Amino acid sequence: MRMHTKIPAAHMTAVAECSGVASQTIAIKRPASKVKLLLAGLFVLIVLLAGAFLVAREWRSVEQALAQADWRFAVLALTATAISHSAISYGYAVVNQLFGVPLRKRDLFEIGFVSVALNHVINVGGLAGLSLRVLLMRKRGFLVGDVLAPSFFYTYFSNLVMFSLFPIGFINILFSEQLSQRQIVVAAVAIGFLLLVLALATALVFVQQMRVIIFRALWEVSGKVTRRDISAHLGEIDAAFARGVTAVRERPRLLLMPLLLILVEWCATLLTLELCFAAFGMPLNPGVLVTGFVVGLVLGFLSMAPGGIGVQEGTMAGTYALMGVPLGQAILAAIVFRVVQYLIPFGVSLPFYLRLLRERKSPP
């Protein structure tokens, strides 16, 4: 197993020279965690109360939908969820091996699974699952760059596939008679912002010179906010990116399997949501299904609420209601989707998490 190997000097000096400051670790002044937890808990409580109010307001239609529900579709939705989580976990394992991480595929699969399940429940900007990956991989002797670079690489292509769904959603929003011109402009601006983020991510992944510029900005922000020098970690990430991108450029076919798994993941996730609506007698056409899914997912992520809880369900149900879906059924489908796609996999992941914490090393 490749343990804490030495980072090539070229990658280290590129980041260090851009900063213009010698590497020196300064103590971090940590904010009071109790205050942050209290604020997060208060936010979640407000969102849950708002959701409860919305359900109470639409209780008649909710009660009627529950009485007529066909829960066999929920069982099928669980099957689609299993396919989705298996695809993303195996894709994570494949990309790590593409980046030269010499760990058993089983362990990589399980690390991918537990981190994704955690992200779905308490994700704040994607940091929860990423932090868990760093913890589990560092216990096995890997550098931070060995963890972050494959994760960023896989996330980039996963988001690329998701962003390809935007035209479908945007066209549906554009021609919806339910939306005002101002709302359409806001949607267009939001999509433009996300496309800009995608462009920056593309530069981060494939252009080494752009990585140096972006890493310099991150170094300066980190130094001002946390008063900690992270140039060593940035050098590790840059070196890992260089290995992975070089491997892909030399053998482009290596990308076929990850891309196929990403497609399976998103298709299975959309199928899960479709089956949740079918359980309440409201199967949706693909355009409407994709539109509500994309809007709910993106706004849930941008809200920075833990796992997008409440925000994702509210925006998803509201978007579907604007497109003619009864609000009661939309609320219930969004809630069942949360349970089936996020909460149940999180419960299933806990035994794997405990095993991974106990086992420190494993042969490739």
Protein backbone atom coordinates (compact mmCIF):
# COMPACT_ATOMS: atom_id res chain seq x y z
CA MET A 1 0.00 0.00 0.00
CA ARG A 2 1.17 3.48 -0.85
CA MET A 3 1.22 5.28 2.49
CA HIS A 4 2.34 8.88 3.19
CA THR A 5 4.43 9.26 0.07
CA LYS A 6 6.39 12.38 -0.68
CA ILE A 7 4.64 14.96 -2.83
CA PRO A 8 6.53 16.06 -5.97
CA ALA A 9 8.27 19.37 -5.35
CA ALA A 10 6.81 20.97 -8.48
CA HIS A 11 3.26 20.62 -7.17
CA MET A 12 4.17 21.89 -3.72
CA THR A 13 6.13 24.91 -4.87
CA ALA A 14 3.47 25.96 -7.39
CA VAL A 15 0.99 26.56 -4.58
CA ALA A 16 3.56 27.83 -2.09
CA GLU A 17 5.08 30.33 -4.51
CA CYS A 18 1.68 31.73 -5.40
CA SER A 19 1.02 32.42 -1.74
CA GLY A 20 4.37 34.22 -1.40
CA VAL A 21 4.59 33.07 2.20
CA ALA A 22 6.62 30.27 3.69
CA SER A 23 4.68 27.33 5.08
CA GLN A 24 3.88 27.89 8.68
CA THR A 25 1.02 26.38 10.63
CA ILE A 26 -0.80 28.81 12.87
CA ALA A 27 -3.21 27.78 15.56
CA ILE A 28 -6.89 27.85 14.64
CA LYS A 29 -9.29 29.88 16.67
CA ARG A 30 -12.37 27.67 16.70
CA PRO A 31 -15.81 29.20 17.10
CA ALA A 32 -18.12 27.99 19.82
CA SER A 33 -19.58 24.73 18.52
CA LYS A 34 -22.55 24.89 20.90
CA VAL A 35 -23.79 28.11 19.32
CA LYS A 36 -23.49 26.62 15.82
CA LEU A 37 -25.36 23.49 16.88
CA LEU A 38 -28.07 25.59 18.52
CA LEU A 39 -28.53 27.71 15.39
CA ALA A 40 -28.62 24.63 13.15
CA GLY A 41 -31.15 22.96 15.42
CA LEU A 42 -33.29 26.11 15.48
CA PHE A 43 -33.22 26.34 11.69
CA VAL A 44 -34.25 22.70 11.29
CA LEU A 45 -37.06 23.20 13.85
CA ILE A 46 -38.39 26.23 11.94
CA VAL A 47 -38.31 24.32 8.66
CA LEU A 48 -40.09 21.31 10.20
CA LEU A 49 -42.76 23.55 11.75
CA ALA A 50 -43.28 25.24 8.37
CA GLY A 51 -43.63 21.81 6.78
CA ALA A 52 -46.11 20.70 9.45
CA PHE A 53 -48.13 23.87 8.83
CA LEU A 54 -48.18 23.17 5.10
CA VAL A 55 -49.35 19.58 5.66
CA ALA A 56 -52.05 20.76 8.08
CA ARG A 57 -53.22 23.35 5.56
CA GLU A 58 -53.59 20.68 2.87
CA TRP A 59 -54.73 17.97 5.27
CA ARG A 60 -57.88 17.00 3.38
CA SER A 61 -56.06 16.25 0.15
CA VAL A 62 -53.20 14.63 2.12
CA GLU A 63 -55.65 12.39 4.00
CA GLN A 64 -57.39 11.39 0.79
CA ALA A 65 -54.08 10.58 -0.92
CA LEU A 66 -52.96 8.46 2.05
CA ALA A 67 -56.23 6.51 1.98
CA GLN A 68 -55.80 5.72 -1.72
CA ALA A 69 -52.04 5.05 -1.64
CA ASP A 70 -50.63 1.88 -3.19
CA TRP A 71 -47.58 1.09 -1.06
CA ARG A 72 -46.36 -1.59 -3.45
CA PHE A 73 -44.83 1.25 -5.45
CA ALA A 74 -42.89 2.28 -2.34
CA VAL A 75 -41.31 -1.19 -2.26
CA LEU A 76 -40.31 -0.78 -5.89
CA ALA A 77 -38.92 2.65 -5.01
CA LEU A 78 -36.69 0.99 -2.39
CA THR A 79 -35.32 -1.29 -5.11
CA ALA A 80 -34.55 1.72 -7.32
CA THR A 81 -32.87 3.39 -4.32
CA ALA A 82 -30.68 0.32 -3.80
CA ILE A 83 -29.60 0.49 -7.45
CA SER A 84 -28.87 4.24 -7.16
CA HIS A 85 -26.74 3.92 -4.02
CA SER A 86 -24.93 0.85 -5.37
CA ALA A 87 -24.06 2.71 -8.57
CA ILE A 88 -22.68 5.80 -6.83
CA SER A 89 -20.71 3.71 -4.30
CA TYR A 90 -19.19 1.48 -6.94
CA GLY A 91 -18.43 4.54 -9.08
CA TYR A 92 -16.55 6.06 -6.14
CA ALA A 93 -14.51 2.87 -5.85
CA VAL A 94 -13.72 2.80 -9.58
CA VAL A 95 -12.58 6.45 -9.65
CA ASN A 96 -10.34 5.95 -6.60
CA GLN A 97 -8.62 3.03 -8.29
CA LEU A 98 -8.29 5.15 -11.45
CA PHE A 99 -6.41 7.69 -9.28
CA GLY A 100 -4.10 4.93 -8.06
CA VAL A 101 -5.51 4.45 -4.54
CA PRO A 102 -4.40 0.90 -3.61
CA LEU A 103 -7.31 -0.12 -1.38
CA ARG A 104 -9.68 -3.06 -1.69
CA LYS A 105 -12.68 -2.29 -3.87
CA ARG A 106 -14.98 -3.55 -1.11
CA ASP A 107 -13.60 -0.99 1.35
CA LEU A 108 -13.80 1.81 -1.21
CA PHE A 109 -17.39 0.80 -2.02
CA GLU A 110 -18.37 0.88 1.65
CA ILE A 111 -16.60 4.21 2.27
CA GLY A 112 -18.46 5.65 -0.71
CA PHE A 113 -21.77 4.27 0.56
CA VAL A 114 -21.55 5.51 4.14
CA SER A 115 -20.30 8.96 3.08
CA VAL A 116 -23.08 9.42 0.52
CA ALA A 117 -25.70 8.22 3.03
CA LEU A 118 -24.36 10.71 5.59
CA ASN A 119 -24.36 13.53 3.04
CA HIS A 120 -28.01 12.90 2.25
CA VAL A 121 -29.00 13.31 5.90
CA ILE A 122 -26.77 16.01 7.39
CA ASN A 123 -25.04 17.39 4.33
CA VAL A 124 -24.00 21.06 4.55
CA GLY A 125 -22.35 22.04 1.28
CA GLY A 126 -21.11 18.46 0.77
CA LEU A 127 -18.72 18.70 3.72
CA ALA A 128 -20.19 15.98 5.96
CA GLY A 129 -19.55 13.05 3.62
CA LEU A 130 -16.21 14.48 2.50
CA SER A 131 -15.05 14.81 6.10
CA LEU A 132 -16.05 11.22 6.77
CA ARG A 133 -14.07 10.04 3.74
CA VAL A 134 -11.01 11.93 4.97
CA LEU A 135 -11.38 10.36 8.42
CA LEU A 136 -11.73 6.80 7.14
CA MET A 137 -8.97 7.09 4.53
CA ARG A 138 -6.53 8.82 6.88
CA LYS A 139 -7.01 5.92 9.31
CA ARG A 140 -5.71 3.73 6.51
CA GLY A 141 -2.63 5.88 5.96
CA PHE A 142 -3.63 7.92 2.91
CA LEU A 143 -2.89 11.58 2.29
CA VAL A 144 -5.63 14.20 2.18
CA GLY A 145 -5.02 14.67 -1.55
CA ASP A 146 -5.58 10.94 -2.12
CA VAL A 147 -9.06 11.41 -0.65
CA LEU A 148 -10.16 14.78 -2.00
CA ALA A 149 -9.00 14.61 -5.62
CA PRO A 150 -10.97 11.43 -6.55
CA SER A 151 -14.00 12.76 -4.67
CA PHE A 152 -13.92 16.10 -6.51
CA PHE A 153 -13.34 14.31 -9.81
CA TYR A 154 -16.33 12.00 -9.38
CA THR A 155 -18.55 14.79 -8.04
CA TYR A 156 -17.67 16.93 -11.04
CA PHE A 157 -18.87 14.33 -13.55
CA SER A 158 -21.91 13.51 -11.44
CA ASN A 159 -22.93 17.18 -11.38
CA LEU A 160 -22.18 17.44 -15.09
CA VAL A 161 -24.81 14.78 -15.75
CA MET A 162 -27.27 16.49 -13.40
CA PHE A 163 -26.69 19.88 -15.07
CA SER A 164 -27.49 18.26 -18.40
CA LEU A 165 -31.03 17.87 -17.04
CA PHE A 166 -31.34 21.64 -16.64
CA PRO A 167 -32.46 22.35 -20.23
CA ILE A 168 -35.45 20.04 -19.73
CA GLY A 169 -36.38 21.72 -16.47
CA PHE A 170 -35.75 25.24 -17.75
CA ILE A 171 -37.86 24.74 -20.89
CA ASN A 172 -40.73 23.49 -18.73
CA ILE A 173 -40.36 26.53 -16.44
CA LEU A 174 -40.05 28.91 -19.40
CA PHE A 175 -43.29 27.76 -21.01
CA SER A 176 -45.22 27.39 -17.75
CA GLU A 177 -48.14 29.80 -17.67
CA GLN A 178 -48.08 29.62 -13.87
CA LEU A 179 -44.83 31.58 -13.53
CA SER A 180 -44.38 35.33 -13.75
CA GLN A 181 -41.67 36.92 -15.88
CA ARG A 182 -39.75 37.84 -12.73
CA GLN A 183 -39.76 34.22 -11.52
CA ILE A 184 -38.51 33.03 -14.91
CA VAL A 185 -35.66 35.58 -14.77
CA VAL A 186 -34.71 34.42 -11.26
CA ALA A 187 -34.66 30.80 -12.48
CA ALA A 188 -32.48 31.76 -15.45
CA VAL A 189 -30.03 33.64 -13.21
CA ALA A 190 -29.80 30.67 -10.82
CA ILE A 191 -29.07 28.31 -13.70
CA GLY A 192 -26.47 30.74 -15.07
CA PHE A 193 -24.75 30.84 -11.69
CA LEU A 194 -24.63 27.05 -11.48
CA LEU A 195 -23.21 26.84 -15.00
CA LEU A 196 -20.49 29.29 -13.94
CA VAL A 197 -19.68 27.03 -11.00
CA LEU A 198 -19.50 24.10 -13.42
CA ALA A 199 -17.06 26.01 -15.63
CA LEU A 200 -14.81 26.74 -12.65
CA ALA A 201 -14.99 23.09 -11.61
CA THR A 202 -13.95 22.06 -15.13
CA ALA A 203 -10.92 24.33 -14.92
CA LEU A 204 -10.07 22.97 -11.47
CA VAL A 205 -10.14 19.37 -12.71
CA PHE A 206 -8.36 19.65 -16.07
CA VAL A 207 -6.19 22.81 -16.12
CA GLN A 208 -3.19 22.77 -13.78
CA GLN A 209 -2.53 26.50 -14.18
CA MET A 210 -6.11 27.29 -13.15
CA ARG A 211 -5.77 24.97 -10.16
CA VAL A 212 -2.80 27.04 -8.99
CA ILE A 213 -4.86 30.25 -9.24
CA ILE A 214 -7.86 28.73 -7.47
CA PHE A 215 -5.67 27.13 -4.80
CA ARG A 216 -3.95 30.46 -4.20
CA ALA A 217 -7.35 32.07 -3.58
CA LEU A 218 -8.30 29.23 -1.24
CA TRP A 219 -4.99 29.58 0.59
CA GLU A 220 -5.52 33.30 1.14
CA VAL A 221 -9.14 32.88 2.28
CA SER A 222 -8.21 30.04 4.61
CA GLY A 223 -5.36 32.07 6.09
CA LYS A 224 -7.64 35.02 6.82
CA VAL A 225 -10.61 33.01 8.12
CA THR A 226 -8.99 30.10 9.99
CA ARG A 227 -5.42 31.48 10.32
CA ARG A 228 -4.06 28.16 9.11
CA ASP A 229 -1.67 27.41 6.27
CA ILE A 230 -3.19 24.71 4.05
CA SER A 231 -0.61 24.84 1.24
CA ALA A 232 0.63 21.30 2.06
CA HIS A 233 -2.88 19.85 1.64
CA LEU A 234 -3.41 21.84 -1.54
CA GLY A 235 -0.15 20.44 -2.89
CA GLU A 236 -1.34 16.90 -2.13
CA ILE A 237 -4.63 17.54 -3.93
CA ASP A 238 -2.84 19.01 -6.95
CA ALA A 239 -0.51 16.02 -7.18
CA ALA A 240 -3.44 13.57 -6.96
CA PHE A 241 -5.35 15.49 -9.63
CA ALA A 242 -2.31 15.37 -11.90
CA ARG A 243 -2.11 11.57 -11.53
CA GLY A 244 -5.80 11.05 -12.26
CA VAL A 245 -6.04 13.46 -15.19
CA THR A 246 -2.86 11.99 -16.74
CA ALA A 247 -4.33 8.49 -16.50
CA VAL A 248 -7.57 9.62 -18.17
CA ARG A 249 -5.76 11.46 -20.97
CA GLU A 250 -3.58 8.45 -21.69
CA ARG A 251 -6.52 6.01 -21.56
CA PRO A 252 -9.83 7.86 -22.14
CA ARG A 253 -11.74 4.57 -21.97
CA LEU A 254 -11.15 4.56 -18.23
CA LEU A 255 -13.92 7.16 -17.97
CA LEU A 256 -16.57 4.93 -19.54
CA MET A 257 -17.35 2.90 -16.43
CA PRO A 258 -17.65 5.91 -14.04
CA LEU A 259 -19.85 7.78 -16.52
CA LEU A 260 -22.07 4.73 -17.01
CA LEU A 261 -22.45 4.33 -13.25
CA ILE A 262 -23.31 8.03 -12.87
CA LEU A 263 -26.04 7.68 -15.51
CA VAL A 264 -27.42 4.63 -13.71
CA GLU A 265 -27.34 6.53 -10.41
CA TRP A 266 -29.36 9.51 -11.69
CA CYS A 267 -31.82 7.40 -13.68
CA ALA A 268 -32.47 5.20 -10.64
CA THR A 269 -32.93 8.28 -8.43
CA LEU A 270 -35.46 9.76 -10.84
CA LEU A 271 -37.21 6.38 -11.00
CA THR A 272 -37.42 6.38 -7.20
CA LEU A 273 -39.16 9.76 -7.24
CA GLU A 274 -41.50 8.67 -10.05
CA LEU A 275 -42.50 5.58 -8.05
CA CYS A 276 -43.17 7.75 -4.99
CA PHE A 277 -45.66 9.76 -7.05
CA ALA A 278 -47.12 6.57 -8.54
CA ALA A 279 -47.79 5.32 -4.99
CA PHE A 280 -50.26 8.21 -4.63
CA GLY A 281 -51.83 7.74 -8.04
CA MET A 282 -49.93 10.56 -9.76
CA PRO A 283 -47.42 9.24 -12.33
CA LEU A 284 -45.63 12.16 -13.97
CA ASN A 285 -44.36 12.73 -17.48
CA PRO A 286 -40.55 12.95 -17.75
CA GLY A 287 -40.41 16.73 -18.29
CA VAL A 288 -42.45 17.55 -15.18
CA LEU A 289 -40.61 14.90 -13.13
CA VAL A 290 -37.17 16.25 -14.02
CA THR A 291 -38.16 19.89 -13.48
CA GLY A 292 -39.38 19.44 -9.90
CA PHE A 293 -36.48 17.14 -9.09
CA VAL A 294 -33.80 19.55 -10.30
CA VAL A 295 -35.35 22.61 -8.65
CA GLY A 296 -35.81 20.82 -5.32
CA LEU A 297 -32.34 19.29 -5.36
CA VAL A 298 -30.50 22.49 -6.26
CA LEU A 299 -32.38 24.77 -3.86
CA GLY A 300 -32.08 22.20 -1.09
CA PHE A 301 -28.31 22.19 -1.60
CA LEU A 302 -27.99 25.97 -1.85
CA SER A 303 -30.08 26.45 1.31
CA MET A 304 -27.24 24.95 3.39
CA ALA A 305 -29.90 23.26 5.55
CA PRO A 306 -28.71 19.85 6.85
CA GLY A 307 -29.46 17.49 3.97
CA GLY A 308 -31.65 20.22 2.45
CA ILE A 309 -34.38 18.99 4.81
CA GLY A 310 -37.63 20.86 4.44
CA VAL A 311 -36.31 23.18 1.74
CA GLN A 312 -35.97 20.40 -0.84
CA GLU A 313 -39.41 18.97 -0.05
CA GLY A 314 -41.06 22.40 -0.01
CA THR A 315 -39.57 23.63 -3.29
CA MET A 316 -40.11 20.27 -4.95
CA ALA A 317 -43.77 20.12 -3.92
CA GLY A 318 -44.31 23.79 -4.83
CA THR A 319 -42.76 23.33 -8.27
CA TYR A 320 -44.91 20.29 -9.01
CA ALA A 321 -48.00 22.16 -7.78
CA LEU A 322 -47.22 25.00 -10.23
CA MET A 323 -47.20 22.41 -12.99
CA GLY A 324 -50.63 21.05 -12.16
CA VAL A 325 -49.88 18.30 -9.63
CA PRO A 326 -52.22 18.38 -6.60
CA LEU A 327 -50.28 19.88 -3.71
CA GLY A 328 -51.29 17.16 -1.24
CA GLN A 329 -49.90 14.37 -3.42
CA ALA A 330 -46.79 16.41 -4.18
CA ILE A 331 -46.08 16.94 -0.46
CA LEU A 332 -46.53 13.26 0.36
CA ALA A 333 -44.41 12.09 -2.60
CA ALA A 334 -41.59 14.46 -1.60
CA ILE A 335 -41.70 13.22 2.02
CA VAL A 336 -41.75 9.54 1.00
CA PHE A 337 -38.86 10.24 -1.37
CA ARG A 338 -36.89 11.70 1.56
CA VAL A 339 -37.54 8.56 3.62
CA VAL A 340 -36.86 6.04 0.86
CA GLN A 341 -33.89 7.73 -0.85
CA TYR A 342 -32.16 9.26 2.19
CA LEU A 343 -33.26 8.06 5.63
CA ILE A 344 -33.50 4.30 5.03
CA PRO A 345 -30.07 4.08 3.30
CA PHE A 346 -28.58 6.05 6.21
CA GLY A 347 -29.91 3.47 8.66
CA VAL A 348 -28.57 0.64 6.49
CA SER A 349 -25.14 2.32 6.33
CA LEU A 350 -24.56 2.38 10.11
CA PRO A 351 -23.22 -1.23 10.44
CA PHE A 352 -20.81 -0.57 7.55
CA TYR A 353 -19.67 2.62 9.24
CA LEU A 354 -18.87 0.76 12.47
CA ARG A 355 -16.93 -1.92 10.58
CA LEU A 356 -14.90 0.66 8.70
CA LEU A 357 -14.01 2.45 11.95
CA ARG A 358 -12.75 -0.79 13.52
CA GLU A 359 -10.72 -1.94 10.50
CA ARG A 360 -7.68 0.31 10.06
CA LYS A 361 -5.91 -1.23 7.09
CA SER A 362 -6.72 -3.63 4.31
CA PRO A 363 -4.61 -5.04 1.46
CA PRO A 364 -5.38 -3.93 -2.09
